[in-house]
């Protein structure tokens, strides 16, 4: 099991000449779980568990990162 916290502080030092805008600070929680069975690895997780709307530094002003995402991956080496 893995818990991950991603975040950044408010960014106010921007290049207005390049069209950059200040960005609010944010924190995002991700969770993943991996299990091995029958020679395969199954990984499942939830990204942005708290469903927070945020914009990372240098993202276009109208672009917000995805809301909560759920995923599952199965891999097998042979």
PDB file of N, CA and C in Angstrom:
ATOM      1  N   UNK A   1       0.854  -1.174   0.000  1.00  0.00           N
ATOM      2  CA  UNK A   1       0.000   0.000   0.000  1.00  0.00           C
ATOM      3  C   UNK A   1       0.893   1.228   0.000  1.00  0.00           C
ATOM      4  N   UNK A   2       0.488   2.223  -0.737  1.00  0.00           N
ATOM      5  CA  UNK A   2       1.264   3.455  -0.836  1.00  0.00           C
ATOM      6  C   UNK A   2       0.327   4.653  -0.769  1.00  0.00           C
ATOM      7  N   UNK A   3       0.638   5.578   0.099  1.00  0.00           N
ATOM      8  CA  UNK A   3      -0.067   6.857   0.154  1.00  0.00           C
ATOM      9  C   UNK A   3       0.907   7.933  -0.287  1.00  0.00           C
ATOM     10  N   UNK A   4       0.440   8.843  -1.103  1.00  0.00           N
ATOM     11  CA  UNK A   4       1.296   9.890  -1.644  1.00  0.00           C
ATOM     12  C   UNK A   4       0.587  11.234  -1.504  1.00  0.00           C
ATOM     13  N   UNK A   5       1.316  12.225  -1.036  1.00  0.00           N
ATOM     14  CA  UNK A   5       0.787  13.585  -0.955  1.00  0.00           C
ATOM     15  C   UNK A   5       1.647  14.453  -1.871  1.00  0.00           C
ATOM     16  N   UNK A   6       0.994  15.100  -2.820  1.00  0.00           N
ATOM     17  CA  UNK A   6       1.664  16.036  -3.716  1.00  0.00           C
ATOM     18  C   UNK A   6       1.162  17.437  -3.386  1.00  0.00           C
ATOM     19  N   UNK A   7       2.034  18.394  -3.435  1.00  0.00           N
ATOM     20  CA  UNK A   7       1.566  19.740  -3.143  1.00  0.00           C
ATOM     21  C   UNK A   7       2.561  20.797  -3.544  1.00  0.00           C
ATOM     22  N   UNK A   8       2.088  22.005  -3.541  1.00  0.00           N
ATOM     23  CA  UNK A   8       2.937  23.153  -3.848  1.00  0.00           C
ATOM     24  C   UNK A   8       2.364  24.370  -3.130  1.00  0.00           C
ATOM     25  N   UNK A   9       3.249  25.258  -2.765  1.00  0.00           N
ATOM     26  CA  UNK A   9       2.843  26.511  -2.133  1.00  0.00           C
ATOM     27  C   UNK A   9       2.362  27.486  -3.200  1.00  0.00           C
ATOM     28  N   UNK A  10       1.693  28.520  -2.780  1.00  0.00           N
ATOM     29  CA  UNK A  10       1.212  29.567  -3.699  1.00  0.00           C
ATOM     30  C   UNK A  10       2.397  30.130  -4.485  1.00  0.00           C
ATOM     31  N   UNK A  11       2.206  30.312  -5.787  1.00  0.00           N
ATOM     32  CA  UNK A  11       3.256  30.857  -6.651  1.00  0.00           C
ATOM     33  C   UNK A  11       2.837  32.245  -7.112  1.00  0.00           C
ATOM     34  N   UNK A  12       3.551  33.244  -6.618  1.00  0.00           N
ATOM     35  CA  UNK A  12       3.229  34.623  -6.987  1.00  0.00           C
ATOM     36  C   UNK A  12       4.309  35.259  -7.850  1.00  0.00           C
ATOM     37  N   UNK A  13       5.481  34.645  -7.927  1.00  0.00           N
ATOM     38  CA  UNK A  13       6.563  35.172  -8.761  1.00  0.00           C
ATOM     39  C   UNK A  13       6.385  34.625 -10.170  1.00  0.00           C
ATOM     40  N   UNK A  14       5.728  35.367 -11.004  1.00  0.00           N
ATOM     41  CA  UNK A  14       5.397  34.927 -12.349  1.00  0.00           C
ATOM     42  C   UNK A  14       5.870  35.952 -13.370  1.00  0.00           C
ATOM     43  N   UNK A  15       5.926  35.526 -14.609  1.00  0.00           N
ATOM     44  CA  UNK A  15       6.288  36.423 -15.705  1.00  0.00           C
ATOM     45  C   UNK A  15       5.012  36.918 -16.369  1.00  0.00           C
ATOM     46  N   UNK A  16       4.582  38.104 -15.987  1.00  0.00           N
ATOM     47  CA  UNK A  16       3.359  38.649 -16.584  1.00  0.00           C
ATOM     48  C   UNK A  16       3.562  38.921 -18.074  1.00  0.00           C
ATOM     49  N   UNK A  17       4.807  39.183 -18.490  1.00  0.00           N
ATOM     50  CA  UNK A  17       5.096  39.408 -19.912  1.00  0.00           C
ATOM     51  C   UNK A  17       4.827  38.145 -20.730  1.00  0.00           C
ATOM     52  N   UNK A  18       4.987  36.972 -20.109  1.00  0.00           N
ATOM     53  CA  UNK A  18       4.739  35.694 -20.791  1.00  0.00           C
ATOM     54  C   UNK A  18       3.300  35.235 -20.604  1.00  0.00           C
ATOM     55  N   UNK A  19       2.492  36.034 -19.910  1.00  0.00           N
ATOM     56  CA  UNK A  19       1.089  35.687 -19.707  1.00  0.00           C
ATOM     57  C   UNK A  19       0.827  34.774 -18.525  1.00  0.00           C
ATOM     58  N   UNK A  20       1.824  34.573 -17.658  1.00  0.00           N
ATOM     59  CA  UNK A  20       1.632  33.712 -16.489  1.00  0.00           C
ATOM     60  C   UNK A  20       0.775  34.418 -15.450  1.00  0.00           C
ATOM     61  N   UNK A  21       0.020  33.636 -14.712  1.00  0.00           N
ATOM     62  CA  UNK A  21      -0.834  34.156 -13.640  1.00  0.00           C
ATOM     63  C   UNK A  21      -0.408  33.503 -12.328  1.00  0.00           C
ATOM     64  N   UNK A  22      -0.613  34.181 -11.197  1.00  0.00           N
ATOM     65  CA  UNK A  22      -0.344  33.545  -9.906  1.00  0.00           C
ATOM     66  C   UNK A  22      -1.168  32.273  -9.744  1.00  0.00           C
ATOM     67  N   UNK A  23      -0.617  31.319  -9.010  1.00  0.00           N
ATOM     68  CA  UNK A  23      -1.273  30.031  -8.799  1.00  0.00           C
ATOM     69  C   UNK A  23      -1.462  29.796  -7.310  1.00  0.00           C
ATOM     70  N   UNK A  24      -2.660  29.379  -6.918  1.00  0.00           N
ATOM     71  CA  UNK A  24      -2.925  29.062  -5.511  1.00  0.00           C
ATOM     72  C   UNK A  24      -2.164  27.798  -5.117  1.00  0.00           C
ATOM     73  N   UNK A  25      -1.869  27.671  -3.843  1.00  0.00           N
ATOM     74  CA  UNK A  25      -1.246  26.452  -3.347  1.00  0.00           C
ATOM     75  C   UNK A  25      -2.246  25.304  -3.369  1.00  0.00           C
ATOM     76  N   UNK A  26      -1.739  24.078  -3.335  1.00  0.00           N
ATOM     77  CA  UNK A  26      -2.624  22.909  -3.354  1.00  0.00           C
ATOM     78  C   UNK A  26      -1.931  21.715  -2.709  1.00  0.00           C
ATOM     79  N   UNK A  27      -2.718  20.746  -2.325  1.00  0.00           N
ATOM     80  CA  UNK A  27      -2.225  19.453  -1.854  1.00  0.00           C
ATOM     81  C   UNK A  27      -3.200  18.392  -2.359  1.00  0.00           C
ATOM     82  N   UNK A  28      -2.651  17.299  -2.863  1.00  0.00           N
ATOM     83  CA  UNK A  28      -3.451  16.231  -3.437  1.00  0.00           C
ATOM     84  C   UNK A  28      -3.016  14.910  -2.803  1.00  0.00           C
ATOM     85  N   UNK A  29      -3.969  14.054  -2.474  1.00  0.00           N
ATOM     86  CA  UNK A  29      -3.704  12.754  -1.873  1.00  0.00           C
ATOM     87  C   UNK A  29      -3.981  11.658  -2.894  1.00  0.00           C
ATOM     88  N   UNK A  30      -3.002  10.770  -3.100  1.00  0.00           N
ATOM     89  CA  UNK A  30      -3.148   9.612  -3.984  1.00  0.00           C
ATOM     90  C   UNK A  30      -2.945   8.344  -3.168  1.00  0.00           C
ATOM     91  N   UNK A  31      -3.623   7.266  -3.535  1.00  0.00           N
ATOM     92  CA  UNK A  31      -3.480   5.984  -2.837  1.00  0.00           C
ATOM     93  C   UNK A  31      -3.359   4.870  -3.872  1.00  0.00           C
ATOM     94  N   UNK A  32      -2.428   3.926  -3.627  1.00  0.00           N
ATOM     95  CA  UNK A  32      -2.223   2.793  -4.526  1.00  0.00           C
ATOM     96  C   UNK A  32      -2.029   1.520  -3.708  1.00  0.00           C
ATOM     97  N   UNK A  33      -2.429   0.405  -4.294  1.00  0.00           N
ATOM     98  CA  UNK A  33      -2.264  -0.903  -3.668  1.00  0.00           C
ATOM     99  C   UNK A  33      -1.841  -1.876  -4.750  1.00  0.00           C
ATOM    100  N   UNK A  34      -0.807  -2.672  -4.481  1.00  0.00           N
ATOM    101  CA  UNK A  34      -0.342  -3.670  -5.449  1.00  0.00           C
ATOM    102  C   UNK A  34      -0.333  -5.041  -4.787  1.00  0.00           C
ATOM    103  N   UNK A  35      -0.796  -6.040  -5.526  1.00  0.00           N
ATOM    104  CA  UNK A  35      -0.820  -7.422  -5.062  1.00  0.00           C
ATOM    105  C   UNK A  35      -0.234  -8.317  -6.147  1.00  0.00           C
ATOM    106  N   UNK A  36       0.467  -9.366  -5.736  1.00  0.00           N
ATOM    107  CA  UNK A  36       0.973 -10.332  -6.698  1.00  0.00           C
ATOM    108  C   UNK A  36       0.201 -11.631  -6.527  1.00  0.00           C
ATOM    109  N   UNK A  37      -0.267 -12.169  -7.659  1.00  0.00           N
ATOM    110  CA  UNK A  37      -1.023 -13.417  -7.635  1.00  0.00           C
ATOM    111  C   UNK A  37      -0.879 -14.112  -8.982  1.00  0.00           C
ATOM    112  N   UNK A  38      -0.657 -15.404  -8.964  1.00  0.00           N
ATOM    113  CA  UNK A  38      -0.582 -16.230 -10.173  1.00  0.00           C
ATOM    114  C   UNK A  38       0.415 -15.674 -11.182  1.00  0.00           C
ATOM    115  N   UNK A  39       1.537 -15.171 -10.713  1.00  0.00           N
ATOM    116  CA  UNK A  39       2.576 -14.659 -11.591  1.00  0.00           C
ATOM    117  C   UNK A  39       2.299 -13.287 -12.168  1.00  0.00           C
ATOM    118  N   UNK A  40       1.251 -12.642 -11.754  1.00  0.00           N
ATOM    119  CA  UNK A  40       0.901 -11.312 -12.253  1.00  0.00           C
ATOM    120  C   UNK A  40       0.885 -10.325 -11.095  1.00  0.00           C
ATOM    121  N   UNK A  41       1.044  -9.074 -11.428  1.00  0.00           N
ATOM    122  CA  UNK A  41       0.936  -8.006 -10.441  1.00  0.00           C
ATOM    123  C   UNK A  41      -0.288  -7.168 -10.779  1.00  0.00           C
ATOM    124  N   UNK A  42      -1.156  -7.009  -9.797  1.00  0.00           N
ATOM    125  CA  UNK A  42      -2.361  -6.197  -9.963  1.00  0.00           C
ATOM    126  C   UNK A  42      -2.168  -4.937  -9.127  1.00  0.00           C
ATOM    127  N   UNK A  43      -2.252  -3.797  -9.777  1.00  0.00           N
ATOM    128  CA  UNK A  43      -2.113  -2.510  -9.101  1.00  0.00           C
ATOM    129  C   UNK A  43      -3.416  -1.737  -9.267  1.00  0.00           C
ATOM    130  N   UNK A  44      -3.950  -1.224  -8.181  1.00  0.00           N
ATOM    131  CA  UNK A  44      -5.168  -0.412  -8.224  1.00  0.00           C
ATOM    132  C   UNK A  44      -4.930   0.833  -7.389  1.00  0.00           C
ATOM    133  N   UNK A  45      -5.632   1.887  -7.733  1.00  0.00           N
ATOM    134  CA  UNK A  45      -5.434   3.104  -6.978  1.00  0.00           C
ATOM    135  C   UNK A  45      -6.472   4.165  -7.246  1.00  0.00           C
ATOM    136  N   UNK A  46      -6.376   5.195  -6.436  1.00  0.00           N
ATOM    137  CA  UNK A  46      -7.230   6.368  -6.578  1.00  0.00           C
ATOM    138  C   UNK A  46      -6.309   7.581  -6.539  1.00  0.00           C
ATOM    139  N   UNK A  47      -6.377   8.392  -7.578  1.00  0.00           N
ATOM    140  CA  UNK A  47      -5.617   9.637  -7.619  1.00  0.00           C
ATOM    141  C   UNK A  47      -6.556  10.782  -7.278  1.00  0.00           C
ATOM    142  N   UNK A  48      -6.062  11.739  -6.540  1.00  0.00           N
ATOM    143  CA  UNK A  48      -6.859  12.889  -6.088  1.00  0.00           C
ATOM    144  C   UNK A  48      -8.052  12.402  -5.261  1.00  0.00           C
ATOM    145  N   UNK A  49      -7.747  11.632  -4.233  1.00  0.00           N
ATOM    146  CA  UNK A  49      -8.759  11.009  -3.370  1.00  0.00           C
ATOM    147  C   UNK A  49      -9.797  12.015  -2.871  1.00  0.00           C
ATOM    148  N   UNK A  50      -9.371  13.204  -2.511  1.00  0.00           N
ATOM    149  CA  UNK A  50     -10.281  14.196  -1.941  1.00  0.00           C
ATOM    150  C   UNK A  50     -11.000  15.020  -2.998  1.00  0.00           C
ATOM    151  N   UNK A  51     -10.784  14.693  -4.273  1.00  0.00           N
ATOM    152  CA  UNK A  51     -11.476  15.327  -5.400  1.00  0.00           C
ATOM    153  C   UNK A  51     -11.299  16.845  -5.393  1.00  0.00           C
ATOM    154  N   UNK A  52     -10.057  17.288  -5.216  1.00  0.00           N
ATOM    155  CA  UNK A  52      -9.767  18.722  -5.152  1.00  0.00           C
ATOM    156  C   UNK A  52      -9.475  19.270  -6.552  1.00  0.00           C
ATOM    157  N   UNK A  53     -10.094  20.390  -6.891  1.00  0.00           N
ATOM    158  CA  UNK A  53      -9.806  21.068  -8.150  1.00  0.00           C
ATOM    159  C   UNK A  53      -8.556  21.924  -7.939  1.00  0.00           C
ATOM    160  N   UNK A  54      -7.564  21.760  -8.810  1.00  0.00           N
ATOM    161  CA  UNK A  54      -6.340  22.545  -8.652  1.00  0.00           C
ATOM    162  C   UNK A  54      -5.673  22.772 -10.001  1.00  0.00           C
ATOM    163  N   UNK A  55      -4.791  23.744 -10.007  1.00  0.00           N
ATOM    164  CA  UNK A  55      -4.006  24.086 -11.193  1.00  0.00           C
ATOM    165  C   UNK A  55      -2.556  24.146 -10.761  1.00  0.00           C
ATOM    166  N   UNK A  56      -1.702  23.365 -11.431  1.00  0.00           N
ATOM    167  CA  UNK A  56      -0.283  23.367 -11.094  1.00  0.00           C
ATOM    168  C   UNK A  56       0.390  24.609 -11.671  1.00  0.00           C
ATOM    169  N   UNK A  57       1.552  24.947 -11.143  1.00  0.00           N
ATOM    170  CA  UNK A  57       2.302  26.108 -11.621  1.00  0.00           C
ATOM    171  C   UNK A  57       2.586  25.960 -13.111  1.00  0.00           C
ATOM    172  N   UNK A  58       2.452  27.032 -13.824  1.00  0.00           N
ATOM    173  CA  UNK A  58       2.698  27.124 -15.261  1.00  0.00           C
ATOM    174  C   UNK A  58       1.658  26.405 -16.116  1.00  0.00           C
ATOM    175  N   UNK A  59       0.605  25.841 -15.515  1.00  0.00           N
ATOM    176  CA  UNK A  59      -0.507  25.324 -16.311  1.00  0.00           C
ATOM    177  C   UNK A  59      -1.239  26.501 -16.933  1.00  0.00           C
ATOM    178  N   UNK A  60      -1.823  26.312 -18.115  1.00  0.00           N
ATOM    179  CA  UNK A  60      -2.651  27.397 -18.674  1.00  0.00           C
ATOM    180  C   UNK A  60      -3.747  27.788 -17.684  1.00  0.00           C
ATOM    181  N   UNK A  61      -4.124  29.052 -17.702  1.00  0.00           N
ATOM    182  CA  UNK A  61      -5.069  29.592 -16.721  1.00  0.00           C
ATOM    183  C   UNK A  61      -6.397  28.835 -16.719  1.00  0.00           C
ATOM    184  N   UNK A  62      -6.841  28.364 -17.861  1.00  0.00           N
ATOM    185  CA  UNK A  62      -8.139  27.687 -17.935  1.00  0.00           C
ATOM    186  C   UNK A  62      -8.045  26.178 -17.720  1.00  0.00           C
ATOM    187  N   UNK A  63      -6.831  25.640 -17.516  1.00  0.00           N
ATOM    188  CA  UNK A  63      -6.660  24.192 -17.352  1.00  0.00           C
ATOM    189  C   UNK A  63      -6.600  23.822 -15.878  1.00  0.00           C
ATOM    190  N   UNK A  64      -7.534  22.994 -15.455  1.00  0.00           N
ATOM    191  CA  UNK A  64      -7.484  22.435 -14.106  1.00  0.00           C
ATOM    192  C   UNK A  64      -7.192  20.960 -14.217  1.00  0.00           C
ATOM    193  N   UNK A  65      -6.452  20.435 -13.275  1.00  0.00           N
ATOM    194  CA  UNK A  65      -6.074  19.028 -13.284  1.00  0.00           C
ATOM    195  C   UNK A  65      -7.307  18.161 -13.102  1.00  0.00           C
ATOM    196  N   UNK A  66      -7.228  16.881 -13.525  1.00  0.00           N
ATOM    197  CA  UNK A  66      -8.394  15.994 -13.438  1.00  0.00           C
ATOM    198  C   UNK A  66      -8.890  15.832 -12.007  1.00  0.00           C
ATOM    199  N   UNK A  67     -10.165  15.559 -11.896  1.00  0.00           N
ATOM    200  CA  UNK A  67     -10.760  15.277 -10.588  1.00  0.00           C
ATOM    201  C   UNK A  67     -10.333  13.875 -10.159  1.00  0.00           C
ATOM    202  N   UNK A  68     -11.056  13.261  -9.283  1.00  0.00           N
ATOM    203  CA  UNK A  68     -10.716  11.932  -8.783  1.00  0.00           C
ATOM    204  C   UNK A  68     -10.639  10.937  -9.943  1.00  0.00           C
ATOM    205  N   UNK A  69      -9.582  10.130  -9.958  1.00  0.00           N
ATOM    206  CA  UNK A  69      -9.390   9.085 -10.962  1.00  0.00           C
ATOM    207  C   UNK A  69      -9.205   7.754 -10.262  1.00  0.00           C
ATOM    208  N   UNK A  70      -9.844   6.730 -10.782  1.00  0.00           N
ATOM    209  CA  UNK A  70      -9.688   5.377 -10.263  1.00  0.00           C
ATOM    210  C   UNK A  70      -9.074   4.546 -11.383  1.00  0.00           C
ATOM    211  N   UNK A  71      -8.065   3.737 -11.048  1.00  0.00           N
ATOM    212  CA  UNK A  71      -7.432   2.932 -12.085  1.00  0.00           C
ATOM    213  C   UNK A  71      -7.071   1.545 -11.561  1.00  0.00           C
ATOM    214  N   UNK A  72      -6.892   0.613 -12.513  1.00  0.00           N
ATOM    215  CA  UNK A  72      -6.420  -0.729 -12.200  1.00  0.00           C
ATOM    216  C   UNK A  72      -5.521  -1.180 -13.339  1.00  0.00           C
ATOM    217  N   UNK A  73      -4.396  -1.796 -12.994  1.00  0.00           N
ATOM    218  CA  UNK A  73      -3.444  -2.256 -13.987  1.00  0.00           C
ATOM    219  C   UNK A  73      -3.040  -3.689 -13.642  1.00  0.00           C
ATOM    220  N   UNK A  74      -2.973  -4.546 -14.652  1.00  0.00           N
ATOM    221  CA  UNK A  74      -2.511  -5.914 -14.473  1.00  0.00           C
ATOM    222  C   UNK A  74      -1.287  -6.084 -15.374  1.00  0.00           C
ATOM    223  N   UNK A  75      -0.191  -6.560 -14.803  1.00  0.00           N
ATOM    224  CA  UNK A  75       1.010  -6.799 -15.601  1.00  0.00           C
ATOM    225  C   UNK A  75       1.568  -8.166 -15.283  1.00  0.00           C
ATOM    226  N   UNK A  76       2.163  -8.750 -16.307  1.00  0.00           N
ATOM    227  CA  UNK A  76       2.773 -10.084 -16.152  1.00  0.00           C
ATOM    228  C   UNK A  76       3.992 -10.150 -17.042  1.00  0.00           C
ATOM    229  N   UNK A  77       5.090 -10.584 -16.464  1.00  0.00           N
ATOM    230  CA  UNK A  77       6.329 -10.748 -17.226  1.00  0.00           C
ATOM    231  C   UNK A  77       6.470 -12.202 -17.656  1.00  0.00           C
ATOM    232  N   UNK A  78       6.917 -12.370 -18.892  1.00  0.00           N
ATOM    233  CA  UNK A  78       7.160 -13.755 -19.358  1.00  0.00           C
ATOM    234  C   UNK A  78       8.250 -13.751 -20.403  1.00  0.00           C
TER     235      UNK A  78
END
